[in-house]
């Protein structure tokens, strides 16, 4: 997701089971958000793991911005 520059790049990763989204990671918020009651334990666990959060937050810099610059510049 982007608007017009690398400053606006947003990384969203959705977690889906049985055709239903139960949690997602939003780089603008910096943590996992549960979408259902069943997603709450997973989101709580992932949010309690600093290494998991660091890795997901780093995706914006390492992958998203890199790809944006390759494609749009």
C-alpha atoms as a PDB file:
ATOM      1  CA  UNK A   1       0.000   0.000   0.000  1.00  0.00           C
ATOM      2  CA  UNK A   2       1.452   3.380  -0.930  1.00  0.00           C
ATOM      3  CA  UNK A   3       0.232   6.849  -1.870  1.00  0.00           C
ATOM      4  CA  UNK A   4       3.017   8.808  -3.490  1.00  0.00           C
ATOM      5  CA  UNK A   5       6.335   8.318  -1.720  1.00  0.00           C
ATOM      6  CA  UNK A   6       8.261   5.905   0.431  1.00  0.00           C
ATOM      7  CA  UNK A   7       7.144   7.859   3.507  1.00  0.00           C
ATOM      8  CA  UNK A   8       3.590   6.648   2.927  1.00  0.00           C
ATOM      9  CA  UNK A   9       4.380   2.959   2.450  1.00  0.00           C
ATOM     10  CA  UNK A  10       2.333   0.645   4.622  1.00  0.00           C
ATOM     11  CA  UNK A  11       2.868  -3.072   5.168  1.00  0.00           C
ATOM     12  CA  UNK A  12      -0.209  -5.150   5.971  1.00  0.00           C
ATOM     13  CA  UNK A  13      -0.019  -8.886   6.529  1.00  0.00           C
ATOM     14  CA  UNK A  14      -3.285 -10.719   6.968  1.00  0.00           C
ATOM     15  CA  UNK A  15      -3.708 -14.068   8.720  1.00  0.00           C
ATOM     16  CA  UNK A  16      -6.612 -16.110   7.389  1.00  0.00           C
ATOM     17  CA  UNK A  17      -8.026 -19.443   8.472  1.00  0.00           C
ATOM     18  CA  UNK A  18     -11.024 -21.140   6.878  1.00  0.00           C
ATOM     19  CA  UNK A  19     -11.645 -18.061   4.661  1.00  0.00           C
ATOM     20  CA  UNK A  20     -11.838 -15.728   7.667  1.00  0.00           C
ATOM     21  CA  UNK A  21      -9.261 -13.113   8.620  1.00  0.00           C
ATOM     22  CA  UNK A  22      -8.469 -13.600  12.301  1.00  0.00           C
ATOM     23  CA  UNK A  23      -5.532 -11.197  12.760  1.00  0.00           C
ATOM     24  CA  UNK A  24      -3.299  -8.814  10.845  1.00  0.00           C
ATOM     25  CA  UNK A  25      -0.087  -6.840  11.216  1.00  0.00           C
ATOM     26  CA  UNK A  26      -0.207  -3.132  10.340  1.00  0.00           C
ATOM     27  CA  UNK A  27       3.139  -1.348  10.001  1.00  0.00           C
ATOM     28  CA  UNK A  28       1.541   2.035  10.724  1.00  0.00           C
ATOM     29  CA  UNK A  29       0.449   0.777  14.143  1.00  0.00           C
ATOM     30  CA  UNK A  30       3.501  -1.445  14.629  1.00  0.00           C
ATOM     31  CA  UNK A  31       1.731  -4.422  16.146  1.00  0.00           C
ATOM     32  CA  UNK A  32      -0.718  -7.259  15.468  1.00  0.00           C
ATOM     33  CA  UNK A  33      -4.443  -6.597  15.665  1.00  0.00           C
ATOM     34  CA  UNK A  34      -6.937  -9.418  16.279  1.00  0.00           C
ATOM     35  CA  UNK A  35      -9.990  -9.440  14.015  1.00  0.00           C
ATOM     36  CA  UNK A  36     -11.857 -12.227  15.853  1.00  0.00           C
ATOM     37  CA  UNK A  37     -11.887 -13.706  19.345  1.00  0.00           C
ATOM     38  CA  UNK A  38      -9.938 -16.658  17.972  1.00  0.00           C
ATOM     39  CA  UNK A  39      -7.237 -14.263  16.727  1.00  0.00           C
ATOM     40  CA  UNK A  40      -6.746 -12.588  20.100  1.00  0.00           C
ATOM     41  CA  UNK A  41      -4.443 -15.257  21.626  1.00  0.00           C
ATOM     42  CA  UNK A  42      -2.214 -15.276  18.531  1.00  0.00           C
ATOM     43  CA  UNK A  43      -2.056 -11.472  18.319  1.00  0.00           C
ATOM     44  CA  UNK A  44      -1.325 -11.219  22.053  1.00  0.00           C
ATOM     45  CA  UNK A  45       1.457 -13.795  21.771  1.00  0.00           C
ATOM     46  CA  UNK A  46       3.056 -12.181  18.697  1.00  0.00           C
ATOM     47  CA  UNK A  47       2.837  -8.739  20.321  1.00  0.00           C
ATOM     48  CA  UNK A  48       4.661 -10.099  23.387  1.00  0.00           C
ATOM     49  CA  UNK A  49       7.627 -11.233  21.263  1.00  0.00           C
ATOM     50  CA  UNK A  50      10.026  -8.315  20.582  1.00  0.00           C
ATOM     51  CA  UNK A  51      11.882 -10.239  17.864  1.00  0.00           C
ATOM     52  CA  UNK A  52       8.653 -10.911  15.948  1.00  0.00           C
ATOM     53  CA  UNK A  53       7.641  -7.248  16.110  1.00  0.00           C
ATOM     54  CA  UNK A  54      11.113  -6.067  15.055  1.00  0.00           C
ATOM     55  CA  UNK A  55      11.090  -8.407  12.057  1.00  0.00           C
ATOM     56  CA  UNK A  56       7.634  -7.288  10.893  1.00  0.00           C
ATOM     57  CA  UNK A  57       8.470  -3.606  11.367  1.00  0.00           C
ATOM     58  CA  UNK A  58      11.692  -4.061   9.377  1.00  0.00           C
ATOM     59  CA  UNK A  59       9.807  -5.414   6.343  1.00  0.00           C
ATOM     60  CA  UNK A  60       8.783  -1.869   5.366  1.00  0.00           C
ATOM     61  CA  UNK A  61      12.418  -0.783   5.089  1.00  0.00           C
ATOM     62  CA  UNK A  62      13.884  -4.024   3.779  1.00  0.00           C
ATOM     63  CA  UNK A  63      11.225  -5.076   1.265  1.00  0.00           C
ATOM     64  CA  UNK A  64       8.476  -2.523   0.667  1.00  0.00           C
ATOM     65  CA  UNK A  65      10.591   0.617   0.201  1.00  0.00           C
ATOM     66  CA  UNK A  66      13.190  -1.307  -1.790  1.00  0.00           C
ATOM     67  CA  UNK A  67      10.551  -2.622  -4.203  1.00  0.00           C
ATOM     68  CA  UNK A  68       8.872   0.776  -4.487  1.00  0.00           C
ATOM     69  CA  UNK A  69      12.145   2.385  -5.536  1.00  0.00           C
ATOM     70  CA  UNK A  70      12.860  -0.377  -8.070  1.00  0.00           C
ATOM     71  CA  UNK A  71       9.424  -0.118  -9.676  1.00  0.00           C
ATOM     72  CA  UNK A  72       8.462   3.557  -9.444  1.00  0.00           C
ATOM     73  CA  UNK A  73      11.744   5.445  -9.732  1.00  0.00           C
END
